[in-house]
Each structure stands twice: as C-alpha cells, then as structure tokens.
Amino acid sequence: MASARFKSNVSVFQTCATIKNEVNNLGFTVELVGESKMVSDDFHVFMFVYEKFYYRASNRASLSILVGGNANESKVECVSSGAGQGLLFRFSWGADKNFVNGLRKILLSKGYQEY
C-alpha cells in the first residue's frame, strides 16, 4: 500500500477535472471503475476509484482518490492497494507506488503541494 496527500488553492471542481482528465493518461490499462460525491452547503467531497493492470506483475492495482474542498481550495488523498501477490505475504513489484507516483507527478506539475 502506498499513499500521498496534496493541497492547493485550486477549486475542488477544477481539481476533480484535472484528475479525471489526467489519470487515464497513466497507461492504456487505467480504468475509472467508480466515482461518488457528497455535497453540503459549501463543502464538496468526491471519490474516484481507478484500476490499472500491470503486466510485469500480472495483477491489478487500485488507486482510490478522495478530493475535498470548496471553490477556494482543495485537498487530495490517495491510497493504492491490490498490487501484492501471494497468499501469506503480499509481495509487491512496486505497482502500488508507481500508481501513486503517477498521480503525484500530475498534481505537483499543476502546482499542488504535498503535505
């Protein structure tokens, strides 16, 4: 499992648009498998779940992305999972870190700060 957190003064809507437009470019096997949103008066929460097949490990990794914020700021948390092999030991070839690092590169290039 790998994870990361980011923040920015970009609206939550623009952050979601960036994620939806850019994450699919992390590989031709990347697929958005689920999304959800919750809205209150001035705070919005979005959840995106992506899967990616890694040929070198012959398995799928999942990337769950939680985006929260309002029109003036947004925070992003992501967690990858499912990239391990084996019944007793979850041996990973680094697919989980690779998936998170892909999102990290996208957001850092757009001016988000990791915290």
C-alpha atoms as a PDB file:
ATOM      1  CA  MET A   1       0.000   0.000   0.000  1.00  0.00           C
ATOM      2  CA  ALA A   2       1.221   3.471  -0.900  1.00  0.00           C
ATOM      3  CA  SER A   3      -0.425   6.799  -0.173  1.00  0.00           C
ATOM      4  CA  ALA A   4       0.022  10.552  -0.584  1.00  0.00           C
ATOM      5  CA  ARG A   5      -1.705  13.820   0.346  1.00  0.00           C
ATOM      6  CA  PHE A   6      -1.845  17.106  -1.557  1.00  0.00           C
ATOM      7  CA  LYS A   7      -3.360  20.556  -1.161  1.00  0.00           C
ATOM      8  CA  SER A   8      -3.908  23.591  -3.346  1.00  0.00           C
ATOM      9  CA  ASN A   9      -5.769  26.879  -3.644  1.00  0.00           C
ATOM     10  CA  VAL A  10      -7.473  25.482  -6.736  1.00  0.00           C
ATOM     11  CA  SER A  11     -11.216  24.830  -6.544  1.00  0.00           C
ATOM     12  CA  VAL A  12     -12.383  21.313  -5.781  1.00  0.00           C
ATOM     13  CA  PHE A  13     -14.160  21.235  -9.159  1.00  0.00           C
ATOM     14  CA  GLN A  14     -11.010  22.099 -11.109  1.00  0.00           C
ATOM     15  CA  THR A  15      -9.062  19.525  -9.096  1.00  0.00           C
ATOM     16  CA  CYS A  16     -11.605  16.827  -9.988  1.00  0.00           C
ATOM     17  CA  ALA A  17     -11.494  17.823 -13.646  1.00  0.00           C
ATOM     18  CA  THR A  18      -7.695  17.609 -13.626  1.00  0.00           C
ATOM     19  CA  ILE A  19      -7.769  14.158 -12.043  1.00  0.00           C
ATOM     20  CA  LYS A  20     -10.408  12.813 -14.423  1.00  0.00           C
ATOM     21  CA  ASN A  21      -8.583  14.220 -17.471  1.00  0.00           C
ATOM     22  CA  GLU A  22      -5.047  13.208 -16.490  1.00  0.00           C
ATOM     23  CA  VAL A  23      -5.167   9.906 -14.584  1.00  0.00           C
ATOM     24  CA  ASN A  24      -6.345   7.983 -17.633  1.00  0.00           C
ATOM     25  CA  ASN A  25      -3.068   9.021 -19.281  1.00  0.00           C
ATOM     26  CA  LEU A  26      -1.075   6.956 -16.772  1.00  0.00           C
ATOM     27  CA  GLY A  27      -1.416   3.914 -19.009  1.00  0.00           C
ATOM     28  CA  PHE A  28      -3.720   2.320 -21.518  1.00  0.00           C
ATOM     29  CA  THR A  29      -4.928  -0.185 -18.912  1.00  0.00           C
ATOM     30  CA  VAL A  30      -6.095   2.539 -16.479  1.00  0.00           C
ATOM     31  CA  GLU A  31      -9.848   2.490 -15.972  1.00  0.00           C
ATOM     32  CA  LEU A  32     -12.176   4.572 -13.805  1.00  0.00           C
ATOM     33  CA  VAL A  33     -14.244   1.879 -12.071  1.00  0.00           C
ATOM     34  CA  GLY A  34     -16.233   4.026  -9.657  1.00  0.00           C
ATOM     35  CA  GLU A  35     -16.950   7.535  -8.504  1.00  0.00           C
ATOM     36  CA  SER A  36     -19.107   9.184  -5.894  1.00  0.00           C
ATOM     37  CA  LYS A  37     -19.761  12.645  -4.496  1.00  0.00           C
ATOM     38  CA  MET A  38     -21.238  14.212  -1.395  1.00  0.00           C
ATOM     39  CA  VAL A  39     -22.250  17.848  -1.246  1.00  0.00           C
ATOM     40  CA  SER A  40     -23.091  20.110   1.661  1.00  0.00           C
ATOM     41  CA  ASP A  41     -23.609  23.871   1.672  1.00  0.00           C
ATOM     42  CA  ASP A  42     -20.085  24.951   0.817  1.00  0.00           C
ATOM     43  CA  PHE A  43     -18.023  21.745   1.057  1.00  0.00           C
ATOM     44  CA  HIS A  44     -17.800  19.008  -1.560  1.00  0.00           C
ATOM     45  CA  VAL A  45     -16.270  15.538  -1.361  1.00  0.00           C
ATOM     46  CA  PHE A  46     -15.532  13.395  -4.411  1.00  0.00           C
ATOM     47  CA  MET A  47     -14.243   9.825  -4.535  1.00  0.00           C
ATOM     48  CA  PHE A  48     -12.646   8.231  -7.594  1.00  0.00           C
ATOM     49  CA  VAL A  49     -11.513   4.610  -7.833  1.00  0.00           C
ATOM     50  CA  TYR A  50      -9.182   3.598 -10.653  1.00  0.00           C
ATOM     51  CA  GLU A  51      -7.721   0.237 -11.608  1.00  0.00           C
ATOM     52  CA  LYS A  52      -4.649  -0.463 -13.664  1.00  0.00           C
ATOM     53  CA  PHE A  53      -3.330  -3.787 -14.943  1.00  0.00           C
ATOM     54  CA  TYR A  54       0.414  -4.307 -14.554  1.00  0.00           C
ATOM     55  CA  TYR A  55       1.817  -6.839 -16.981  1.00  0.00           C
ATOM     56  CA  ARG A  56       5.127  -7.322 -15.166  1.00  0.00           C
ATOM     57  CA  ALA A  57       3.303  -8.439 -12.012  1.00  0.00           C
ATOM     58  CA  SER A  58       0.281  -9.961 -13.777  1.00  0.00           C
ATOM     59  CA  ASN A  59      -2.138  -8.227 -11.439  1.00  0.00           C
ATOM     60  CA  ARG A  60      -4.328  -5.187 -10.989  1.00  0.00           C
ATOM     61  CA  ALA A  61      -3.660  -2.269  -8.692  1.00  0.00           C
ATOM     62  CA  SER A  62      -6.344   0.042  -7.377  1.00  0.00           C
ATOM     63  CA  LEU A  63      -5.982   3.764  -6.746  1.00  0.00           C
ATOM     64  CA  SER A  64      -8.609   5.394  -4.533  1.00  0.00           C
ATOM     65  CA  ILE A  65      -8.608   9.195  -4.665  1.00  0.00           C
ATOM     66  CA  LEU A  66     -10.528  11.343  -2.178  1.00  0.00           C
ATOM     67  CA  VAL A  67     -10.937  15.028  -3.077  1.00  0.00           C
ATOM     68  CA  GLY A  68     -12.472  17.511  -0.651  1.00  0.00           C
ATOM     69  CA  GLY A  69     -12.833  21.259  -0.655  1.00  0.00           C
ATOM     70  CA  ASN A  70     -14.751  24.241  -1.908  1.00  0.00           C
ATOM     71  CA  ALA A  71     -14.474  26.945  -4.551  1.00  0.00           C
ATOM     72  CA  ASN A  72     -11.261  28.320  -2.988  1.00  0.00           C
ATOM     73  CA  GLU A  73      -9.229  25.260  -2.027  1.00  0.00           C
ATOM     74  CA  SER A  74      -8.944  21.510  -2.357  1.00  0.00           C
ATOM     75  CA  LYS A  75      -7.204  18.613  -0.655  1.00  0.00           C
ATOM     76  CA  VAL A  76      -6.470  15.280  -2.258  1.00  0.00           C
ATOM     77  CA  GLU A  77      -5.694  11.983  -0.552  1.00  0.00           C
ATOM     78  CA  CYS A  78      -4.875   8.842  -2.483  1.00  0.00           C
ATOM     79  CA  VAL A  79      -4.258   5.246  -1.490  1.00  0.00           C
ATOM     80  CA  SER A  80      -3.262   2.370  -3.742  1.00  0.00           C
ATOM     81  CA  SER A  81      -3.957  -1.261  -2.991  1.00  0.00           C
ATOM     82  CA  GLY A  82      -4.290  -4.707  -4.502  1.00  0.00           C
ATOM     83  CA  ALA A  83      -0.846  -4.763  -6.081  1.00  0.00           C
ATOM     84  CA  GLY A  84       0.595  -7.580  -3.966  1.00  0.00           C
ATOM     85  CA  GLN A  85       0.966 -11.226  -4.832  1.00  0.00           C
ATOM     86  CA  GLY A  86       0.846 -14.254  -2.594  1.00  0.00           C
ATOM     87  CA  LEU A  87      -1.465 -15.718  -0.004  1.00  0.00           C
ATOM     88  CA  LEU A  88       0.554 -15.146   3.158  1.00  0.00           C
ATOM     89  CA  PHE A  89       2.969 -12.435   2.094  1.00  0.00           C
ATOM     90  CA  ARG A  90       1.882  -9.531  -0.069  1.00  0.00           C
ATOM     91  CA  PHE A  91       4.948  -9.316  -2.245  1.00  0.00           C
ATOM     92  CA  SER A  92       4.735  -6.257  -4.452  1.00  0.00           C
ATOM     93  CA  TRP A  93       6.732  -5.376  -7.539  1.00  0.00           C
ATOM     94  CA  GLY A  94       6.162  -1.670  -6.782  1.00  0.00           C
ATOM     95  CA  ALA A  95       2.938  -1.276  -8.756  1.00  0.00           C
ATOM     96  CA  ASP A  96       1.215   0.418  -5.809  1.00  0.00           C
ATOM     97  CA  LYS A  97       3.943   3.053  -5.501  1.00  0.00           C
ATOM     98  CA  ASN A  98       4.036   3.503  -9.264  1.00  0.00           C
ATOM     99  CA  PHE A  99       0.304   4.267  -9.400  1.00  0.00           C
ATOM    100  CA  VAL A 100       0.550   6.855  -6.595  1.00  0.00           C
ATOM    101  CA  ASN A 101       3.683   8.377  -8.117  1.00  0.00           C
ATOM    102  CA  GLY A 102       1.821   8.880 -11.383  1.00  0.00           C
ATOM    103  CA  LEU A 103      -0.794  10.990  -9.618  1.00  0.00           C
ATOM    104  CA  ARG A 104       1.962  12.733  -7.632  1.00  0.00           C
ATOM    105  CA  LYS A 105       3.690  13.850 -10.844  1.00  0.00           C
ATOM    106  CA  ILE A 106       0.416  15.139 -12.277  1.00  0.00           C
ATOM    107  CA  LEU A 107      -0.537  17.188  -9.231  1.00  0.00           C
ATOM    108  CA  LEU A 108       2.954  18.545  -8.488  1.00  0.00           C
ATOM    109  CA  SER A 109       3.264  19.701 -12.101  1.00  0.00           C
ATOM    110  CA  LYS A 110      -0.024  21.623 -11.639  1.00  0.00           C
ATOM    111  CA  GLY A 111       1.283  23.426  -8.524  1.00  0.00           C
ATOM    112  CA  TYR A 112      -0.206  21.275  -5.762  1.00  0.00           C
ATOM    113  CA  GLN A 113       1.812  20.848  -2.592  1.00  0.00           C
ATOM    114  CA  GLU A 114       2.394  17.525  -0.916  1.00  0.00           C
ATOM    115  CA  TYR A 115       1.912  17.509   2.840  1.00  0.00           C
END
